[in-house]
Amino acid sequence: MNCLNCKTGDMFESTNTYFVTLNNCYVITENVPCLKCSQCSEIFYKASVLENIDSTIEKIENISSKIFIMDYKTAA
């Protein structure tokens, strides 16, 4: 698969750290599966991964403090 950003690099499977800011806290999710471009390092997440992250974030938004760090492998 060619990169959607630079159109020249090949996408390879990797992991990345996903960061989101909510109203009352910051959520950092480590080891999130993704595709990464070999040329420009653009990150692409599959829809199923993003849906899983969104579902988890909805649950922790009401119980978290200022910073919440989770590992995708154990939270998914």
N, C-alpha and C. Protein backbone atom coordinates (compact mmCIF):
# COMPACT_ATOMS: atom_id res chain seq x y z
N MET A 1 0.85 -1.18 0.00
CA MET A 1 0.00 0.00 0.00
C MET A 1 0.90 1.24 0.00
N ASN A 2 0.61 2.17 -0.90
CA ASN A 2 1.35 3.42 -0.94
C ASN A 2 0.78 4.41 0.08
N CYS A 3 1.64 5.29 0.54
CA CYS A 3 1.25 6.30 1.52
C CYS A 3 0.19 7.23 0.95
N LEU A 4 -0.80 7.55 1.76
CA LEU A 4 -1.85 8.48 1.35
C LEU A 4 -1.37 9.92 1.36
N ASN A 5 -0.27 10.18 2.06
CA ASN A 5 0.24 11.54 2.17
C ASN A 5 1.25 11.85 1.05
N CYS A 6 2.37 11.12 1.00
CA CYS A 6 3.42 11.43 0.04
C CYS A 6 3.28 10.66 -1.28
N LYS A 7 2.45 9.64 -1.29
CA LYS A 7 2.16 8.82 -2.47
C LYS A 7 3.33 7.96 -2.96
N THR A 8 4.52 8.06 -2.34
CA THR A 8 5.67 7.30 -2.82
C THR A 8 6.14 6.23 -1.84
N GLY A 9 5.97 6.45 -0.55
CA GLY A 9 6.47 5.51 0.44
C GLY A 9 5.55 4.31 0.61
N ASP A 10 6.13 3.21 1.05
CA ASP A 10 5.36 2.01 1.37
C ASP A 10 4.94 2.06 2.83
N MET A 11 3.73 1.62 3.12
CA MET A 11 3.22 1.57 4.48
C MET A 11 3.59 0.23 5.09
N PHE A 12 4.12 0.26 6.31
CA PHE A 12 4.46 -0.97 7.01
C PHE A 12 3.80 -0.97 8.39
N GLU A 13 3.54 -2.15 8.93
CA GLU A 13 2.90 -2.27 10.23
C GLU A 13 3.86 -1.83 11.32
N SER A 14 3.32 -1.07 12.27
CA SER A 14 4.12 -0.54 13.36
C SER A 14 3.20 -0.27 14.55
N THR A 15 3.72 0.38 15.57
CA THR A 15 2.91 0.87 16.68
C THR A 15 3.27 2.32 16.92
N ASN A 16 2.36 3.04 17.55
CA ASN A 16 2.56 4.46 17.79
C ASN A 16 1.88 4.83 19.11
N THR A 17 2.21 5.99 19.63
CA THR A 17 1.55 6.52 20.81
C THR A 17 0.47 7.49 20.34
N TYR A 18 -0.75 7.29 20.82
CA TYR A 18 -1.91 8.10 20.42
C TYR A 18 -2.26 9.02 21.58
N PHE A 19 -2.35 10.32 21.32
CA PHE A 19 -2.59 11.33 22.35
C PHE A 19 -3.87 12.07 22.04
N VAL A 20 -4.71 12.23 23.06
CA VAL A 20 -5.94 13.00 22.88
C VAL A 20 -6.16 13.86 24.12
N THR A 21 -6.68 15.08 23.90
CA THR A 21 -7.02 15.99 24.98
C THR A 21 -8.53 16.01 25.14
N LEU A 22 -8.99 15.72 26.35
CA LEU A 22 -10.42 15.78 26.66
C LEU A 22 -10.68 17.02 27.51
N ASN A 23 -11.94 17.24 27.87
CA ASN A 23 -12.28 18.41 28.66
C ASN A 23 -11.56 18.45 30.01
N ASN A 24 -11.45 17.30 30.64
CA ASN A 24 -10.91 17.29 31.99
C ASN A 24 -9.59 16.53 32.13
N CYS A 25 -9.03 16.02 31.04
CA CYS A 25 -7.80 15.25 31.18
C CYS A 25 -7.10 15.03 29.83
N TYR A 26 -5.92 14.44 29.91
CA TYR A 26 -5.15 14.02 28.75
C TYR A 26 -5.09 12.50 28.77
N VAL A 27 -5.28 11.88 27.61
CA VAL A 27 -5.20 10.42 27.52
C VAL A 27 -4.09 10.08 26.55
N ILE A 28 -3.14 9.28 27.03
CA ILE A 28 -2.03 8.81 26.21
C ILE A 28 -2.17 7.31 26.09
N THR A 29 -2.29 6.82 24.86
CA THR A 29 -2.41 5.39 24.63
C THR A 29 -1.15 4.91 23.91
N GLU A 30 -0.43 4.01 24.55
CA GLU A 30 0.82 3.51 24.00
C GLU A 30 0.59 2.23 23.22
N ASN A 31 1.51 1.92 22.32
CA ASN A 31 1.51 0.67 21.55
C ASN A 31 0.27 0.47 20.68
N VAL A 32 -0.22 1.54 20.08
CA VAL A 32 -1.39 1.46 19.21
C VAL A 32 -0.95 0.96 17.84
N PRO A 33 -1.57 -0.12 17.34
CA PRO A 33 -1.19 -0.62 16.02
C PRO A 33 -1.54 0.39 14.93
N CYS A 34 -0.64 0.53 13.97
CA CYS A 34 -0.85 1.49 12.90
C CYS A 34 -0.06 1.06 11.67
N LEU A 35 -0.25 1.80 10.60
CA LEU A 35 0.59 1.68 9.41
C LEU A 35 1.42 2.95 9.35
N LYS A 36 2.71 2.80 9.07
CA LYS A 36 3.61 3.95 9.03
C LYS A 36 4.33 3.98 7.70
N CYS A 37 4.47 5.17 7.14
CA CYS A 37 5.12 5.34 5.84
C CYS A 37 6.63 5.27 5.99
N SER A 38 7.25 4.51 5.09
CA SER A 38 8.71 4.37 5.11
C SER A 38 9.41 5.63 4.60
N GLN A 39 8.68 6.48 3.89
CA GLN A 39 9.27 7.68 3.30
C GLN A 39 9.08 8.93 4.19
N CYS A 40 7.83 9.22 4.54
CA CYS A 40 7.54 10.48 5.26
C CYS A 40 7.11 10.27 6.71
N SER A 41 7.01 9.02 7.14
CA SER A 41 6.63 8.65 8.52
C SER A 41 5.18 9.00 8.87
N GLU A 42 4.35 9.24 7.89
CA GLU A 42 2.91 9.48 8.12
C GLU A 42 2.32 8.24 8.80
N ILE A 43 1.42 8.48 9.76
CA ILE A 43 0.77 7.40 10.51
C ILE A 43 -0.67 7.26 10.03
N PHE A 44 -1.10 6.02 9.83
CA PHE A 44 -2.48 5.73 9.44
C PHE A 44 -3.02 4.67 10.39
N TYR A 45 -4.18 4.98 11.02
CA TYR A 45 -4.84 4.05 11.92
C TYR A 45 -6.03 3.42 11.22
N LYS A 46 -6.21 2.12 11.39
CA LYS A 46 -7.39 1.44 10.85
C LYS A 46 -8.62 1.92 11.63
N ALA A 47 -9.77 1.93 10.97
CA ALA A 47 -11.02 2.39 11.60
C ALA A 47 -11.35 1.57 12.84
N SER A 48 -11.11 0.27 12.81
CA SER A 48 -11.42 -0.58 13.96
C SER A 48 -10.57 -0.22 15.17
N VAL A 49 -9.33 0.18 14.95
CA VAL A 49 -8.46 0.60 16.05
C VAL A 49 -8.97 1.90 16.65
N LEU A 50 -9.33 2.86 15.81
CA LEU A 50 -9.85 4.14 16.31
C LEU A 50 -11.17 3.97 17.04
N GLU A 51 -12.03 3.08 16.56
CA GLU A 51 -13.30 2.81 17.24
C GLU A 51 -13.05 2.21 18.62
N ASN A 52 -12.07 1.32 18.71
CA ASN A 52 -11.73 0.72 19.99
C ASN A 52 -11.19 1.76 20.97
N ILE A 53 -10.33 2.64 20.48
CA ILE A 53 -9.80 3.71 21.32
C ILE A 53 -10.92 4.63 21.78
N ASP A 54 -11.81 5.03 20.87
CA ASP A 54 -12.93 5.91 21.23
C ASP A 54 -13.82 5.27 22.29
N SER A 55 -14.08 4.00 22.15
CA SER A 55 -14.91 3.28 23.12
C SER A 55 -14.26 3.28 24.50
N THR A 56 -12.97 3.03 24.52
CA THR A 56 -12.24 3.02 25.80
C THR A 56 -12.19 4.41 26.41
N ILE A 57 -11.96 5.43 25.59
CA ILE A 57 -11.87 6.80 26.09
C ILE A 57 -13.20 7.25 26.69
N GLU A 58 -14.30 6.86 26.07
CA GLU A 58 -15.62 7.21 26.62
C GLU A 58 -15.78 6.68 28.04
N LYS A 59 -15.28 5.48 28.28
CA LYS A 59 -15.39 4.87 29.61
C LYS A 59 -14.53 5.58 30.64
N ILE A 60 -13.31 5.98 30.25
CA ILE A 60 -12.41 6.57 31.24
C ILE A 60 -12.57 8.07 31.40
N GLU A 61 -13.28 8.71 30.49
CA GLU A 61 -13.43 10.17 30.55
C GLU A 61 -14.06 10.61 31.86
N ASN A 62 -15.01 9.85 32.37
CA ASN A 62 -15.72 10.22 33.59
C ASN A 62 -14.98 9.83 34.87
N ILE A 63 -14.00 8.95 34.77
CA ILE A 63 -13.32 8.48 35.98
C ILE A 63 -11.87 8.91 36.09
N SER A 64 -11.35 9.51 35.05
CA SER A 64 -9.92 9.80 35.03
C SER A 64 -9.59 11.10 35.75
N SER A 65 -8.32 11.23 36.09
CA SER A 65 -7.83 12.46 36.67
C SER A 65 -7.28 13.33 35.54
N LYS A 66 -6.23 14.05 35.76
CA LYS A 66 -5.71 14.95 34.74
C LYS A 66 -4.97 14.23 33.62
N ILE A 67 -4.23 13.17 33.93
CA ILE A 67 -3.48 12.44 32.92
C ILE A 67 -3.77 10.95 33.08
N PHE A 68 -4.07 10.29 31.98
CA PHE A 68 -4.34 8.86 32.00
C PHE A 68 -3.51 8.22 30.91
N ILE A 69 -2.68 7.25 31.28
CA ILE A 69 -1.83 6.56 30.32
C ILE A 69 -2.23 5.09 30.31
N MET A 70 -2.49 4.56 29.10
CA MET A 70 -2.86 3.15 29.00
C MET A 70 -2.11 2.51 27.86
N ASP A 71 -2.05 1.19 27.91
CA ASP A 71 -1.40 0.41 26.86
C ASP A 71 -2.51 -0.21 26.02
N TYR A 72 -2.48 0.00 24.71
CA TYR A 72 -3.52 -0.50 23.82
C TYR A 72 -3.68 -2.00 23.95
N LYS A 73 -2.58 -2.72 24.07
CA LYS A 73 -2.62 -4.17 24.12
C LYS A 73 -3.40 -4.69 25.32
N THR A 74 -3.32 -4.02 26.45
CA THR A 74 -4.03 -4.48 27.64
C THR A 74 -5.42 -3.88 27.76
N ALA A 75 -5.67 -2.74 27.11
CA ALA A 75 -6.98 -2.08 27.20
C ALA A 75 -7.95 -2.55 26.14
N ALA A 76 -7.45 -3.06 25.04
CA ALA A 76 -8.30 -3.45 23.91
C ALA A 76 -8.97 -4.78 24.15
